[in-house]
């Protein structure tokens, strides 16, 4: 099954609090549960034969898609399944489903802190 997938990674140039490669708990502590979208950069947007974030993780750590020149998928990255409108935060162990901030919003928020 092919799905359109986007991957967002922390941009070290604008990451003033050194959040790259940090777990969700560190984001909760630093930002009160909010993950600031302004420190993220879109690094991949394409069709992949995957059905879950774990398959994306394996692909981007063992067999990068043709043309991808970014780093391997790591903790603090956000994976979006575009067609489903679902986002996942790559945590210390597994993935945490999150609500990603669209252009008009300013952060990623966990289900527990949605208003």
C-alpha atoms as a PDB file:
ATOM      1  CA  UNK A   1       0.000   0.000   0.000  1.00  0.00           C
ATOM      2  CA  UNK A   2       1.489   3.319  -1.063  1.00  0.00           C
ATOM      3  CA  UNK A   3       0.987   6.332   1.156  1.00  0.00           C
ATOM      4  CA  UNK A   4       2.093   9.937   0.851  1.00  0.00           C
ATOM      5  CA  UNK A   5       4.506  10.566   3.706  1.00  0.00           C
ATOM      6  CA  UNK A   6       6.198  13.734   4.938  1.00  0.00           C
ATOM      7  CA  UNK A   7       9.082  13.805   7.385  1.00  0.00           C
ATOM      8  CA  UNK A   8       9.979  16.835   9.479  1.00  0.00           C
ATOM      9  CA  UNK A   9      13.276  17.153  11.356  1.00  0.00           C
ATOM     10  CA  UNK A  10      14.537  19.731  13.824  1.00  0.00           C
ATOM     11  CA  UNK A  11      16.658  22.351  12.070  1.00  0.00           C
ATOM     12  CA  UNK A  12      19.817  22.761  14.157  1.00  0.00           C
ATOM     13  CA  UNK A  13      20.294  26.332  12.891  1.00  0.00           C
ATOM     14  CA  UNK A  14      17.105  27.592  14.569  1.00  0.00           C
ATOM     15  CA  UNK A  15      17.029  25.091  17.449  1.00  0.00           C
ATOM     16  CA  UNK A  16      18.180  27.338  20.297  1.00  0.00           C
ATOM     17  CA  UNK A  17      17.300  24.824  23.041  1.00  0.00           C
ATOM     18  CA  UNK A  18      19.162  21.856  21.514  1.00  0.00           C
ATOM     19  CA  UNK A  19      16.008  19.738  21.068  1.00  0.00           C
ATOM     20  CA  UNK A  20      17.269  17.695  18.112  1.00  0.00           C
ATOM     21  CA  UNK A  21      17.379  13.993  19.053  1.00  0.00           C
ATOM     22  CA  UNK A  22      15.480  14.648  22.313  1.00  0.00           C
ATOM     23  CA  UNK A  23      12.540  12.565  23.541  1.00  0.00           C
ATOM     24  CA  UNK A  24       8.951  13.784  23.848  1.00  0.00           C
ATOM     25  CA  UNK A  25       9.356  14.158  27.627  1.00  0.00           C
ATOM     26  CA  UNK A  26      12.126  16.715  27.024  1.00  0.00           C
ATOM     27  CA  UNK A  27       9.790  18.708  24.755  1.00  0.00           C
ATOM     28  CA  UNK A  28       7.095  18.537  27.434  1.00  0.00           C
ATOM     29  CA  UNK A  29       9.536  19.897  29.987  1.00  0.00           C
ATOM     30  CA  UNK A  30      10.924  22.642  27.735  1.00  0.00           C
ATOM     31  CA  UNK A  31       7.695  23.710  26.025  1.00  0.00           C
ATOM     32  CA  UNK A  32       4.902  22.458  28.276  1.00  0.00           C
ATOM     33  CA  UNK A  33       3.784  19.726  25.877  1.00  0.00           C
ATOM     34  CA  UNK A  34       4.112  21.923  22.801  1.00  0.00           C
ATOM     35  CA  UNK A  35       6.624  21.086  20.101  1.00  0.00           C
ATOM     36  CA  UNK A  36       7.463  24.300  18.236  1.00  0.00           C
ATOM     37  CA  UNK A  37       6.881  23.808  14.510  1.00  0.00           C
ATOM     38  CA  UNK A  38       9.136  26.774  13.781  1.00  0.00           C
ATOM     39  CA  UNK A  39      12.221  24.693  14.592  1.00  0.00           C
ATOM     40  CA  UNK A  40      11.205  21.932  12.143  1.00  0.00           C
ATOM     41  CA  UNK A  41      12.055  21.609   8.454  1.00  0.00           C
ATOM     42  CA  UNK A  42      10.352  19.394   5.892  1.00  0.00           C
ATOM     43  CA  UNK A  43      13.024  16.938   4.685  1.00  0.00           C
ATOM     44  CA  UNK A  44      10.927  14.416   2.739  1.00  0.00           C
ATOM     45  CA  UNK A  45       7.632  14.445   0.848  1.00  0.00           C
ATOM     46  CA  UNK A  46       6.811  11.417  -1.267  1.00  0.00           C
ATOM     47  CA  UNK A  47       4.964   8.164  -1.860  1.00  0.00           C
ATOM     48  CA  UNK A  48       6.186   5.163   0.116  1.00  0.00           C
ATOM     49  CA  UNK A  49       5.036   1.567   0.338  1.00  0.00           C
ATOM     50  CA  UNK A  50       4.344   1.664   4.082  1.00  0.00           C
ATOM     51  CA  UNK A  51       1.376   1.379   6.450  1.00  0.00           C
ATOM     52  CA  UNK A  52       2.810   2.465   9.812  1.00  0.00           C
ATOM     53  CA  UNK A  53       5.496   4.792  11.212  1.00  0.00           C
ATOM     54  CA  UNK A  54       7.683   1.840  12.218  1.00  0.00           C
ATOM     55  CA  UNK A  55       8.026   0.884   8.537  1.00  0.00           C
ATOM     56  CA  UNK A  56       9.054   4.460   7.729  1.00  0.00           C
ATOM     57  CA  UNK A  57      11.650   4.258  10.513  1.00  0.00           C
ATOM     58  CA  UNK A  58      13.133   1.040   9.099  1.00  0.00           C
ATOM     59  CA  UNK A  59      13.185   2.423   5.552  1.00  0.00           C
ATOM     60  CA  UNK A  60      14.880   5.679   6.554  1.00  0.00           C
ATOM     61  CA  UNK A  61      17.489   3.847   8.620  1.00  0.00           C
ATOM     62  CA  UNK A  62      18.341   0.932   6.327  1.00  0.00           C
ATOM     63  CA  UNK A  63      17.260   1.691   2.758  1.00  0.00           C
ATOM     64  CA  UNK A  64      16.686   5.390   2.022  1.00  0.00           C
ATOM     65  CA  UNK A  65      14.383   6.143  -0.926  1.00  0.00           C
ATOM     66  CA  UNK A  66      16.089   7.159  -4.168  1.00  0.00           C
ATOM     67  CA  UNK A  67      17.153  10.785  -4.101  1.00  0.00           C
ATOM     68  CA  UNK A  68      16.860  11.214  -0.323  1.00  0.00           C
ATOM     69  CA  UNK A  69      19.997  12.866   1.032  1.00  0.00           C
ATOM     70  CA  UNK A  70      18.910  13.664   4.598  1.00  0.00           C
ATOM     71  CA  UNK A  71      19.949  11.910   7.774  1.00  0.00           C
ATOM     72  CA  UNK A  72      18.385   8.749   9.147  1.00  0.00           C
ATOM     73  CA  UNK A  73      15.054   9.003  10.958  1.00  0.00           C
ATOM     74  CA  UNK A  74      15.704   9.659  14.633  1.00  0.00           C
ATOM     75  CA  UNK A  75      14.159  10.678  17.921  1.00  0.00           C
ATOM     76  CA  UNK A  76      12.437  14.112  17.715  1.00  0.00           C
ATOM     77  CA  UNK A  77      11.444  13.660  14.052  1.00  0.00           C
ATOM     78  CA  UNK A  78       7.787  13.951  13.013  1.00  0.00           C
ATOM     79  CA  UNK A  79       6.259  11.598  10.425  1.00  0.00           C
ATOM     80  CA  UNK A  80       3.057  12.611   8.653  1.00  0.00           C
ATOM     81  CA  UNK A  81       0.718  10.257   6.813  1.00  0.00           C
ATOM     82  CA  UNK A  82      -0.761  12.914   4.546  1.00  0.00           C
ATOM     83  CA  UNK A  83      -3.795  11.008   3.251  1.00  0.00           C
ATOM     84  CA  UNK A  84      -4.855  10.101   6.786  1.00  0.00           C
ATOM     85  CA  UNK A  85      -3.999  13.495   8.298  1.00  0.00           C
ATOM     86  CA  UNK A  86      -2.077  11.748  11.104  1.00  0.00           C
ATOM     87  CA  UNK A  87       1.269  12.745  12.623  1.00  0.00           C
ATOM     88  CA  UNK A  88       3.687  10.733  14.767  1.00  0.00           C
ATOM     89  CA  UNK A  89       6.561  11.931  16.953  1.00  0.00           C
ATOM     90  CA  UNK A  90       9.542   9.555  16.903  1.00  0.00           C
ATOM     91  CA  UNK A  91      10.142   8.978  20.612  1.00  0.00           C
ATOM     92  CA  UNK A  92      12.737   7.077  22.621  1.00  0.00           C
ATOM     93  CA  UNK A  93      10.803   3.848  22.062  1.00  0.00           C
ATOM     94  CA  UNK A  94       8.265   3.832  19.259  1.00  0.00           C
ATOM     95  CA  UNK A  95       6.063   6.672  18.076  1.00  0.00           C
ATOM     96  CA  UNK A  96       3.643   9.006  19.824  1.00  0.00           C
ATOM     97  CA  UNK A  97       0.600  10.178  17.884  1.00  0.00           C
ATOM     98  CA  UNK A  98       0.532  13.988  17.865  1.00  0.00           C
ATOM     99  CA  UNK A  99      -1.369  16.837  16.283  1.00  0.00           C
ATOM    100  CA  UNK A 100       1.009  18.743  14.015  1.00  0.00           C
ATOM    101  CA  UNK A 101       0.777  22.506  13.734  1.00  0.00           C
ATOM    102  CA  UNK A 102      -0.284  23.676  10.341  1.00  0.00           C
ATOM    103  CA  UNK A 103       1.112  26.870   8.859  1.00  0.00           C
ATOM    104  CA  UNK A 104      -1.285  28.963  10.941  1.00  0.00           C
ATOM    105  CA  UNK A 105      -0.405  27.200  14.203  1.00  0.00           C
ATOM    106  CA  UNK A 106       2.861  27.239  16.118  1.00  0.00           C
ATOM    107  CA  UNK A 107       3.540  23.767  17.522  1.00  0.00           C
ATOM    108  CA  UNK A 108       2.965  20.071  17.786  1.00  0.00           C
ATOM    109  CA  UNK A 109       0.690  19.062  20.618  1.00  0.00           C
ATOM    110  CA  UNK A 110       0.026  15.704  22.188  1.00  0.00           C
ATOM    111  CA  UNK A 111      -3.531  14.339  22.372  1.00  0.00           C
ATOM    112  CA  UNK A 112      -3.635  15.061  26.148  1.00  0.00           C
ATOM    113  CA  UNK A 113      -3.034  18.777  25.671  1.00  0.00           C
ATOM    114  CA  UNK A 114      -5.416  19.440  22.769  1.00  0.00           C
ATOM    115  CA  UNK A 115      -7.921  22.126  23.557  1.00  0.00           C
END
